[in-house]
Amino acid sequence: MVVPACGVPSGAAPLGCSTPPVKFTRKRACHNSNVAENVMAANDSKPISVRVLFFGAARDAAGREQLELSLSSPANVASAFGQLLSDYPALARFGNSLLLAVNQEYALPDRKLSDGDELAVLPPVSGGAEETTTKAQRHKAEQGSEEEPPNTGNAGASPATTSERDFFELTTDPIDVGAIARRIVLAECGATVTLDGYAREWTRGRRTLYLVYEAYAPMALREMRRLGEQAHEKYEIAHLGVVHRTGRLEIGETSVVIAVSAPHRRAAFEACEWAIRELKRTVPIWKKEVFEDGEVWVEGERKAERHSTYPVKSLSV
């Protein structure tokens, strides 16, 4: 007769034995696995709550600034947007120009949503007046002047410290352009190019009384920093600073200042022009123009420009 380690003869009842028979162990493991699967399935079907924020013209269409949206799990950006369209049909007038962000990052339609996430509904950003450039002008800009070396990235600056010199800010106070332009003056640089964007009085034959700028502040600052990182990768610059005003601006007041310093002026000019285009393309800041005979969010009157390099695709359901 074989006696197992527990001291019970083979085939005898396992009285006092700490190890149950194999057949009972398998049944218990199967039972535990089923319980775990049921718990996971219950968690997957549990409703989740998402905080929704509306900005600019999308806020006007929805008639509210924010709400708590309850969704069945699993949920993603597309299903959440579909629910919003059902609850607020006025949003449909934007077509596919609305973008969405999850936790302050642009999101694709299949981005999964979790309980407590923040979903932002973003109309096209402020953009700006379209510029026309002749083929000859573009060729000249691409060729550059013979007296300056070609663009070579960060070769003439100090790569280890460039990010420490950059600054990106939003403010409701009037902007001192001179102070921004001279905030960073570096010995290794030979030029600082400064863009001073300010409120103009006439737009397409309509007299503007004042402007109102609105920003999704935390995401706007994040996108500005991303813009700065890309600028250092693309151009031989030492520092880049961006300060943007929000709130009401009177005619002639500065809305945005971009300052770029570089060892050579060509890189500073090119980086400054690139930065304002990129800011108006991707940074979530919106402009409302208030006229004598009405008001409009700037991109509300024309189709948003589409770029193949834009961080997200337009959303449609």
Protein backbone atom coordinates (compact mmCIF):
# COMPACT_ATOMS: atom_id res chain seq x y z
CA MET A 1 0.00 0.00 0.00
CA VAL A 2 1.30 3.41 -1.00
CA VAL A 3 0.95 6.10 1.63
CA PRO A 4 1.00 9.67 0.30
CA ALA A 5 2.70 12.54 2.10
CA CYS A 6 -0.44 13.38 4.07
CA GLY A 7 -0.41 9.98 5.67
CA VAL A 8 -3.64 8.71 4.11
CA PRO A 9 -3.56 5.38 2.25
CA SER A 10 -4.09 5.55 -1.48
CA GLY A 11 -7.79 5.53 -2.35
CA ALA A 12 -8.81 6.44 1.21
CA ALA A 13 -10.85 9.50 2.07
CA PRO A 14 -8.51 12.53 2.45
CA LEU A 15 -9.49 13.20 6.09
CA GLY A 16 -7.31 15.94 7.54
CA CYS A 17 -5.30 16.18 4.36
CA SER A 18 -4.45 19.77 3.31
CA THR A 19 -4.34 18.88 -0.38
CA PRO A 20 -7.80 18.14 -1.93
CA PRO A 21 -8.21 15.50 -4.61
CA VAL A 22 -7.26 16.51 -8.15
CA LYS A 23 -10.83 16.37 -9.45
CA PHE A 24 -12.01 18.83 -6.77
CA THR A 25 -9.04 21.14 -7.42
CA ARG A 26 -9.89 21.32 -11.11
CA LYS A 27 -13.55 22.04 -10.39
CA ARG A 28 -12.62 24.81 -7.96
CA ALA A 29 -10.14 26.37 -10.42
CA CYS A 30 -12.80 26.30 -13.13
CA HIS A 31 -15.29 27.91 -10.77
CA ASN A 32 -12.83 30.65 -9.79
CA SER A 33 -12.06 31.33 -13.47
CA ASN A 34 -15.76 31.70 -14.25
CA VAL A 35 -16.19 34.09 -11.32
CA ALA A 36 -13.25 36.22 -12.51
CA GLU A 37 -14.65 36.34 -16.06
CA ASN A 38 -18.07 37.36 -14.75
CA VAL A 39 -16.51 40.14 -12.65
CA MET A 40 -14.54 41.43 -15.66
CA ALA A 41 -17.65 41.35 -17.84
CA ALA A 42 -19.60 43.23 -15.17
CA ASN A 43 -16.86 45.88 -14.98
CA ASP A 44 -16.82 46.22 -18.79
CA SER A 45 -20.57 46.84 -18.87
CA LYS A 46 -20.52 49.25 -15.94
CA PRO A 47 -21.51 52.81 -16.99
CA ILE A 48 -18.71 55.38 -17.01
CA SER A 49 -18.90 59.13 -16.49
CA VAL A 50 -16.94 61.52 -18.71
CA ARG A 51 -16.59 65.26 -18.18
CA VAL A 52 -17.30 67.10 -21.45
CA LEU A 53 -16.04 70.64 -22.14
CA PHE A 54 -17.27 72.85 -25.01
CA PHE A 55 -15.28 75.75 -26.45
CA GLY A 56 -15.91 78.66 -28.79
CA ALA A 57 -18.64 78.18 -31.36
CA ALA A 58 -19.23 74.62 -30.13
CA ARG A 59 -20.18 76.01 -26.72
CA ASP A 60 -22.62 78.41 -28.34
CA ALA A 61 -24.18 75.55 -30.32
CA ALA A 62 -24.52 73.29 -27.28
CA GLY A 63 -25.73 76.13 -25.08
CA ARG A 64 -23.49 75.11 -22.20
CA GLU A 65 -19.84 75.09 -21.14
CA GLN A 66 -19.59 71.60 -19.67
CA LEU A 67 -21.55 68.52 -18.62
CA GLU A 68 -21.18 65.03 -17.21
CA LEU A 69 -21.84 62.42 -19.90
CA SER A 70 -22.84 58.89 -18.87
CA LEU A 71 -21.79 56.16 -21.33
CA SER A 72 -22.08 52.41 -21.47
CA SER A 73 -18.76 50.65 -21.26
CA PRO A 74 -16.79 49.97 -23.36
CA ALA A 75 -16.88 53.47 -24.86
CA ASN A 76 -14.64 55.45 -27.19
CA VAL A 77 -14.45 58.96 -28.64
CA ALA A 78 -16.74 58.07 -31.57
CA SER A 79 -19.50 56.67 -29.37
CA ALA A 80 -19.28 59.66 -27.03
CA PHE A 81 -19.48 62.08 -29.94
CA GLY A 82 -22.47 60.20 -31.32
CA GLN A 83 -24.24 60.62 -27.99
CA LEU A 84 -23.42 64.34 -27.95
CA LEU A 85 -24.81 64.77 -31.47
CA SER A 86 -28.00 63.05 -30.36
CA ASP A 87 -28.34 65.24 -27.28
CA TYR A 88 -27.20 68.47 -28.98
CA PRO A 89 -28.13 68.27 -32.70
CA ALA A 90 -26.96 71.86 -33.29
CA LEU A 91 -23.41 70.49 -33.24
CA ALA A 92 -24.12 68.78 -36.56
CA ARG A 93 -23.77 72.10 -38.37
CA PHE A 94 -19.99 71.88 -37.99
CA GLY A 95 -19.90 68.83 -40.25
CA ASN A 96 -16.56 67.05 -39.86
CA SER A 97 -14.63 70.13 -38.74
CA LEU A 98 -15.02 69.46 -35.00
CA LEU A 99 -12.07 67.87 -33.24
CA LEU A 100 -12.02 66.15 -29.88
CA ALA A 101 -9.37 65.85 -27.21
CA VAL A 102 -9.12 63.40 -24.32
CA ASN A 103 -7.28 64.56 -21.23
CA GLN A 104 -5.80 67.52 -23.15
CA GLU A 105 -4.50 65.50 -26.10
CA TYR A 106 -6.01 65.32 -29.60
CA ALA A 107 -7.77 61.98 -29.94
CA LEU A 108 -8.74 59.67 -32.80
CA PRO A 109 -12.30 58.26 -32.96
CA ASP A 110 -11.22 54.84 -31.65
CA ARG A 111 -9.56 56.24 -28.52
CA LYS A 112 -10.95 54.33 -25.53
CA LEU A 113 -12.62 56.34 -22.77
CA SER A 114 -12.37 55.53 -19.07
CA ASP A 115 -14.37 56.68 -16.09
CA GLY A 116 -13.34 60.19 -15.08
CA ASP A 117 -11.80 61.17 -18.43
CA GLU A 118 -12.08 64.74 -19.74
CA LEU A 119 -13.42 65.07 -23.28
CA ALA A 120 -13.10 68.45 -25.00
CA VAL A 121 -15.17 69.43 -28.05
CA LEU A 122 -13.03 71.76 -30.16
CA PRO A 123 -14.15 73.83 -33.14
CA PRO A 124 -11.49 74.88 -35.68
CA VAL A 125 -8.87 77.08 -34.00
CA SER A 126 -8.57 80.80 -34.70
CA GLY A 127 -6.52 80.41 -37.88
CA GLY A 128 -6.04 83.80 -39.48
CA ALA A 129 -6.29 85.58 -42.78
CA GLU A 130 -5.12 83.44 -45.67
CA GLU A 131 -1.92 84.59 -47.32
CA THR A 132 -1.05 84.32 -51.00
CA THR A 133 2.57 83.83 -52.04
CA THR A 134 3.83 83.80 -55.59
CA LYS A 135 5.92 80.91 -56.87
CA ALA A 136 8.88 83.25 -57.22
CA GLN A 137 8.57 84.44 -53.62
CA ARG A 138 8.42 80.88 -52.35
CA HIS A 139 11.48 79.94 -54.40
CA LYS A 140 13.42 82.90 -53.01
CA ALA A 141 12.46 82.04 -49.46
CA GLU A 142 13.52 78.42 -49.95
CA GLN A 143 16.86 79.39 -51.48
CA GLY A 144 17.69 82.07 -48.90
CA SER A 145 20.52 84.59 -49.22
CA GLU A 146 24.05 83.58 -50.18
CA GLU A 147 25.62 85.33 -47.19
CA GLU A 148 24.13 82.97 -44.63
CA PRO A 149 24.74 79.23 -44.15
CA PRO A 150 21.97 76.70 -44.77
CA ASN A 151 19.73 75.54 -41.96
CA THR A 152 21.41 72.73 -39.97
CA GLY A 153 19.25 72.15 -36.92
CA ASN A 154 20.71 73.20 -33.56
CA ALA A 155 24.35 73.33 -34.65
CA GLY A 156 24.94 76.98 -33.73
CA ALA A 157 22.99 77.03 -30.48
CA SER A 158 23.40 75.11 -27.21
CA PRO A 159 21.17 72.01 -27.46
CA ALA A 160 21.49 71.11 -23.78
CA THR A 161 19.91 74.35 -22.59
CA THR A 162 17.50 75.41 -25.34
CA SER A 163 14.37 74.11 -23.60
CA GLU A 164 15.28 76.02 -20.42
CA ARG A 165 15.34 79.28 -22.35
CA ASP A 166 11.97 78.84 -24.03
CA PHE A 167 8.78 80.26 -22.54
CA PHE A 168 5.10 79.75 -23.37
CA GLU A 169 2.41 81.74 -21.62
CA LEU A 170 -1.23 82.80 -21.66
CA THR A 171 -2.25 86.09 -20.08
CA THR A 172 -5.29 88.30 -19.68
CA ASP A 173 -3.07 91.37 -19.16
CA PRO A 174 -1.82 93.73 -21.89
CA ILE A 175 1.41 92.43 -23.46
CA ASP A 176 4.62 94.48 -23.40
CA VAL A 177 6.13 93.53 -26.76
CA GLY A 178 9.54 95.05 -26.04
CA ALA A 179 9.87 93.19 -22.78
CA ILE A 180 9.03 89.89 -24.47
CA ALA A 181 11.47 90.53 -27.32
CA ARG A 182 14.34 91.30 -24.93
CA ARG A 183 13.53 88.77 -22.22
CA ILE A 184 16.15 86.39 -23.60
CA VAL A 185 19.34 87.95 -25.05
CA LEU A 186 22.09 85.43 -25.75
CA ALA A 187 25.73 86.12 -26.51
CA GLU A 188 25.92 83.39 -29.16
CA CYS A 189 23.02 84.90 -31.15
CA GLY A 190 23.11 87.61 -33.76
CA ALA A 191 19.39 88.27 -34.17
CA THR A 192 16.02 88.13 -32.47
CA VAL A 193 12.96 88.17 -34.72
CA THR A 194 9.73 89.25 -33.03
CA LEU A 195 6.19 88.94 -34.34
CA ASP A 196 3.65 91.34 -32.85
CA GLY A 197 0.13 90.29 -33.78
CA TYR A 198 -2.53 92.83 -32.88
CA ALA A 199 -6.24 93.48 -33.37
CA ARG A 200 -7.13 95.20 -36.64
CA GLU A 201 -10.19 97.33 -37.23
CA TRP A 202 -11.41 96.06 -40.60
CA THR A 203 -12.03 92.48 -41.77
CA ARG A 204 -13.45 91.83 -45.25
CA GLY A 205 -15.10 95.23 -45.34
CA ARG A 206 -16.67 94.91 -41.86
CA ARG A 207 -15.65 97.21 -39.02
CA THR A 208 -14.49 95.32 -35.95
CA LEU A 209 -15.27 96.85 -32.55
CA TYR A 210 -13.16 94.45 -30.46
CA LEU A 211 -11.94 90.86 -30.27
CA VAL A 212 -12.42 88.10 -27.72
CA TYR A 213 -9.87 85.31 -27.44
CA GLU A 214 -10.61 82.05 -25.64
CA ALA A 215 -8.21 79.18 -24.89
CA TYR A 216 -8.35 75.64 -23.61
CA ALA A 217 -5.53 76.73 -21.32
CA PRO A 218 -3.81 73.53 -20.18
CA MET A 219 -3.92 71.97 -23.64
CA ALA A 220 -2.89 75.23 -25.32
CA LEU A 221 0.25 75.43 -23.18
CA ARG A 222 1.03 71.77 -23.88
CA GLU A 223 0.67 72.33 -27.63
CA MET A 224 2.88 75.43 -27.43
CA ARG A 225 5.62 73.40 -25.76
CA ARG A 226 5.31 70.76 -28.47
CA LEU A 227 5.59 73.54 -31.04
CA GLY A 228 8.79 74.73 -29.35
CA GLU A 229 10.33 71.25 -29.41
CA GLN A 230 9.60 70.90 -33.11
CA ALA A 231 11.02 74.37 -33.85
CA HIS A 232 14.35 73.42 -32.30
CA GLU A 233 14.42 70.25 -34.39
CA LYS A 234 13.65 72.10 -37.63
CA TYR A 235 15.67 75.32 -37.27
CA GLU A 236 19.02 76.52 -35.98
CA ILE A 237 17.60 78.63 -33.14
CA ALA A 238 18.64 79.26 -29.56
CA HIS A 239 15.30 80.09 -28.00
CA LEU A 240 11.63 80.58 -28.79
CA GLY A 241 9.07 82.40 -26.66
CA VAL A 242 5.31 82.69 -27.18
CA VAL A 243 2.91 84.84 -25.16
CA HIS A 244 -0.78 84.89 -26.14
CA ARG A 245 -3.47 87.15 -24.77
CA THR A 246 -6.97 85.92 -23.88
CA GLY A 247 -10.15 87.80 -23.04
CA ARG A 248 -11.32 91.04 -24.61
CA LEU A 249 -8.89 93.02 -26.80
CA GLU A 250 -9.47 96.51 -28.11
CA ILE A 251 -8.38 97.53 -31.59
CA GLY A 252 -4.60 97.91 -31.78
CA GLU A 253 -3.89 95.79 -28.70
CA THR A 254 -1.41 92.93 -29.04
CA SER A 255 -2.91 89.44 -29.13
CA VAL A 256 0.25 87.36 -29.57
CA VAL A 257 4.01 87.84 -29.46
CA ILE A 258 6.51 85.33 -30.77
CA ALA A 259 10.22 85.97 -30.19
CA VAL A 260 12.93 83.80 -31.74
CA SER A 261 16.68 84.25 -31.32
CA ALA A 262 19.30 82.51 -33.43
CA PRO A 263 22.96 82.76 -34.44
CA HIS A 264 21.81 83.77 -37.96
CA ARG A 265 18.81 85.86 -38.89
CA ARG A 266 17.56 83.55 -41.64
CA ALA A 267 16.80 80.77 -39.15
CA ALA A 268 15.12 83.24 -36.79
CA PHE A 269 12.85 84.59 -39.55
CA GLU A 270 11.93 81.13 -40.81
CA ALA A 271 11.26 79.73 -37.34
CA CYS A 272 9.12 82.72 -36.38
CA GLU A 273 6.98 82.40 -39.52
CA TRP A 274 6.65 78.65 -39.03
CA ALA A 275 5.72 79.09 -35.36
CA ILE A 276 2.81 81.47 -36.01
CA ARG A 277 1.42 79.20 -38.73
CA GLU A 278 1.68 76.16 -36.49
CA LEU A 279 0.19 77.99 -33.52
CA LYS A 280 -2.84 79.03 -35.55
CA ARG A 281 -3.17 75.50 -36.91
CA THR A 282 -2.95 73.34 -33.79
CA VAL A 283 -3.04 75.34 -30.55
CA PRO A 284 -6.61 75.42 -29.12
CA ILE A 285 -7.19 79.18 -29.06
CA TRP A 286 -10.27 80.75 -30.61
CA LYS A 287 -11.02 84.30 -31.74
CA LYS A 288 -14.39 85.99 -31.83
CA GLU A 289 -14.76 89.18 -33.86
CA VAL A 290 -17.43 91.58 -32.65
CA PHE A 291 -18.67 93.87 -35.43
CA GLU A 292 -21.05 96.82 -35.53
CA ASP A 293 -23.70 94.51 -36.97
CA GLY A 294 -23.02 91.21 -35.19
CA GLU A 295 -20.31 88.83 -34.06
CA VAL A 296 -18.70 85.62 -35.27
CA TRP A 297 -16.12 83.06 -34.22
CA VAL A 298 -13.52 83.50 -36.95
CA GLU A 299 -13.47 79.94 -38.33
CA GLY A 300 -17.26 79.78 -38.17
CA GLU A 301 -17.57 81.58 -41.51
CA ARG A 302 -15.16 79.53 -43.58
CA LYS A 303 -14.07 75.94 -43.90
CA ALA A 304 -11.20 74.95 -41.65
CA GLU A 305 -7.93 74.34 -43.47
CA ARG A 306 -6.92 70.70 -43.58
CA HIS A 307 -3.29 69.60 -43.41
CA SER A 308 -1.96 66.11 -43.92
CA THR A 309 0.40 66.63 -40.98
CA TYR A 310 -2.33 67.64 -38.52
CA PRO A 311 -2.16 65.54 -35.33
CA VAL A 312 -5.64 64.07 -35.68
CA LYS A 313 -8.22 63.16 -38.28
CA SER A 314 -11.57 64.88 -38.40
CA LEU A 315 -14.31 62.98 -36.61
CA SER A 316 -17.56 61.92 -38.16
CA VAL A 317 -20.18 59.43 -37.09
